[in-house]
């Protein structure tokens, strides 16, 4: 699942739930677009400027009426109650995290044709291996997918695995 697919699927689900809300005559974005962007901001987990740069650089065609940065974040603040409906309730015991698993030392990378894993950063250290993502809930631990390559582990992969293939361990 690519990022465009994720954004499209997220927008579809939000728009289905918010179809009854009309667009203000002077607004540039529909309410479902504001909520989708708010959810993306929450999922991306970066600062306001970094999120806006990422959005305008890579996904401007998906949101052609995107307002200026400060106006967009004012919209998020004004309509945060819409976005809160779609976010999971915070729990004390619910945690999701990734763990880097080093299979070989980085100096030994590429010596074997049967090498498993690739070189990448995990916790500011170079490792050759992968990452394991675990979602811990109050009564269970779920493994989201298997071992991912270290250098490519975006939030989209976590969400894709969380939505499609859950296996309780």
Foldseek 3Di string as FASTA:
>chain_A
DDPVVVLVVQLVVLCVVVVPDDDDPPDLDDPSVLLSLLVVCVLQPDDQVVSVCCCCVPPCVVRVSDDDSVVSVVSCVVVVVSNVVVDDDDDPFKDKDKDFDAPDAPVCPPVDPPDEAAWDDDPNDIGGWFMWMWITDPVFIKTQDGGHHHHDDGSVSSVVSVPPPIDTD
